[in-house]
Amino acid sequence: MSIIIMSPRDISFEDAEKEIHEYIAKAGNRTVYISELAEELNIDMDLIVKIHDPRRVIPDMSDLEDF
């Protein structure tokens, strides 16, 4: 048995957020854990936690008018 150590990818917040949401959508109704996201997407766990912080306010863009 060998141990493989991988460094997380250097990825922007926005790109990581997109990849995470796509992965969760493909998972369907099953539970997806942070550790799974980190391993499968090779994204830093701290970044995943920041993206899914329940205190983070996501602006509602539906009220904006086209210029």
C-alpha atoms as a PDB file:
ATOM      1  CA  MET A   1       0.000   0.000   0.000  1.00  0.00           C
ATOM      2  CA  SER A   2       1.350   3.394  -0.905  1.00  0.00           C
ATOM      3  CA  ILE A   3       0.329   6.835   0.257  1.00  0.00           C
ATOM      4  CA  ILE A   4      -0.170   9.549  -2.310  1.00  0.00           C
ATOM      5  CA  ILE A   5      -0.036  13.155  -1.160  1.00  0.00           C
ATOM      6  CA  MET A   6      -1.523  15.702  -3.502  1.00  0.00           C
ATOM      7  CA  SER A   7      -1.521  19.457  -3.164  1.00  0.00           C
ATOM      8  CA  PRO A   8      -4.829  21.201  -3.832  1.00  0.00           C
ATOM      9  CA  ARG A   9      -5.136  22.969  -7.162  1.00  0.00           C
ATOM     10  CA  ASP A  10      -4.637  26.707  -7.397  1.00  0.00           C
ATOM     11  CA  ILE A  11      -8.190  27.716  -8.330  1.00  0.00           C
ATOM     12  CA  SER A  12     -10.172  30.939  -7.992  1.00  0.00           C
ATOM     13  CA  PHE A  13     -13.093  31.229  -5.590  1.00  0.00           C
ATOM     14  CA  GLU A  14     -15.527  31.616  -8.483  1.00  0.00           C
ATOM     15  CA  ASP A  15     -14.199  28.618 -10.434  1.00  0.00           C
ATOM     16  CA  ALA A  16     -14.196  26.439  -7.325  1.00  0.00           C
ATOM     17  CA  GLU A  17     -17.731  27.493  -6.487  1.00  0.00           C
ATOM     18  CA  LYS A  18     -18.886  26.590 -10.008  1.00  0.00           C
ATOM     19  CA  GLU A  19     -17.176  23.181  -9.929  1.00  0.00           C
ATOM     20  CA  ILE A  20     -18.572  22.400  -6.492  1.00  0.00           C
ATOM     21  CA  HIS A  21     -22.131  23.297  -7.482  1.00  0.00           C
ATOM     22  CA  GLU A  22     -21.845  21.197 -10.658  1.00  0.00           C
ATOM     23  CA  TYR A  23     -20.507  18.222  -8.670  1.00  0.00           C
ATOM     24  CA  ILE A  24     -23.296  18.472  -6.093  1.00  0.00           C
ATOM     25  CA  ALA A  25     -25.929  18.755  -8.838  1.00  0.00           C
ATOM     26  CA  LYS A  26     -24.605  15.575 -10.487  1.00  0.00           C
ATOM     27  CA  ALA A  27     -24.697  13.770  -7.126  1.00  0.00           C
ATOM     28  CA  GLY A  28     -28.465  14.037  -7.065  1.00  0.00           C
ATOM     29  CA  ASN A  29     -30.145  13.427  -3.721  1.00  0.00           C
ATOM     30  CA  ARG A  30     -27.202  11.787  -1.992  1.00  0.00           C
ATOM     31  CA  THR A  31     -25.172  13.548   0.690  1.00  0.00           C
ATOM     32  CA  VAL A  32     -21.865  15.029  -0.499  1.00  0.00           C
ATOM     33  CA  TYR A  33     -19.267  15.640   2.194  1.00  0.00           C
ATOM     34  CA  ILE A  34     -16.578  18.324   2.202  1.00  0.00           C
ATOM     35  CA  SER A  35     -13.909  15.629   2.258  1.00  0.00           C
ATOM     36  CA  GLU A  36     -15.380  14.089  -0.900  1.00  0.00           C
ATOM     37  CA  LEU A  37     -15.379  17.454  -2.670  1.00  0.00           C
ATOM     38  CA  ALA A  38     -11.790  18.072  -1.632  1.00  0.00           C
ATOM     39  CA  GLU A  39     -10.645  14.657  -2.845  1.00  0.00           C
ATOM     40  CA  GLU A  40     -12.644  14.416  -6.066  1.00  0.00           C
ATOM     41  CA  LEU A  41     -12.162  18.015  -7.199  1.00  0.00           C
ATOM     42  CA  ASN A  42      -8.714  18.506  -5.644  1.00  0.00           C
ATOM     43  CA  ILE A  43      -9.838  21.744  -3.993  1.00  0.00           C
ATOM     44  CA  ASP A  44      -8.569  22.992  -0.623  1.00  0.00           C
ATOM     45  CA  MET A  45     -10.978  22.175   2.227  1.00  0.00           C
ATOM     46  CA  ASP A  46     -10.716  25.698   3.661  1.00  0.00           C
ATOM     47  CA  LEU A  47     -11.881  27.122   0.327  1.00  0.00           C
ATOM     48  CA  ILE A  48     -14.794  24.680   0.212  1.00  0.00           C
ATOM     49  CA  VAL A  49     -15.827  25.724   3.725  1.00  0.00           C
ATOM     50  CA  LYS A  50     -15.681  29.420   2.738  1.00  0.00           C
ATOM     51  CA  ILE A  51     -17.840  28.744  -0.311  1.00  0.00           C
ATOM     52  CA  HIS A  52     -20.451  26.914   1.750  1.00  0.00           C
ATOM     53  CA  ASP A  53     -20.387  29.189   4.792  1.00  0.00           C
ATOM     54  CA  PRO A  54     -24.050  29.634   5.807  1.00  0.00           C
ATOM     55  CA  ARG A  55     -23.254  33.170   7.000  1.00  0.00           C
ATOM     56  CA  ARG A  56     -22.153  34.222   3.509  1.00  0.00           C
ATOM     57  CA  VAL A  57     -24.681  36.509   1.839  1.00  0.00           C
ATOM     58  CA  ILE A  58     -25.323  35.785  -1.814  1.00  0.00           C
ATOM     59  CA  PRO A  59     -26.800  38.833  -3.548  1.00  0.00           C
ATOM     60  CA  ASP A  60     -30.074  38.408  -5.397  1.00  0.00           C
ATOM     61  CA  MET A  61     -29.297  39.469  -8.954  1.00  0.00           C
ATOM     62  CA  SER A  62     -32.864  38.992 -10.229  1.00  0.00           C
ATOM     63  CA  ASP A  63     -33.835  42.546  -9.267  1.00  0.00           C
ATOM     64  CA  LEU A  64     -31.175  44.165 -11.432  1.00  0.00           C
ATOM     65  CA  GLU A  65     -32.282  45.770 -14.666  1.00  0.00           C
ATOM     66  CA  ASP A  66     -30.370  45.469 -17.932  1.00  0.00           C
ATOM     67  CA  PHE A  67     -28.542  48.630 -18.862  1.00  0.00           C
END
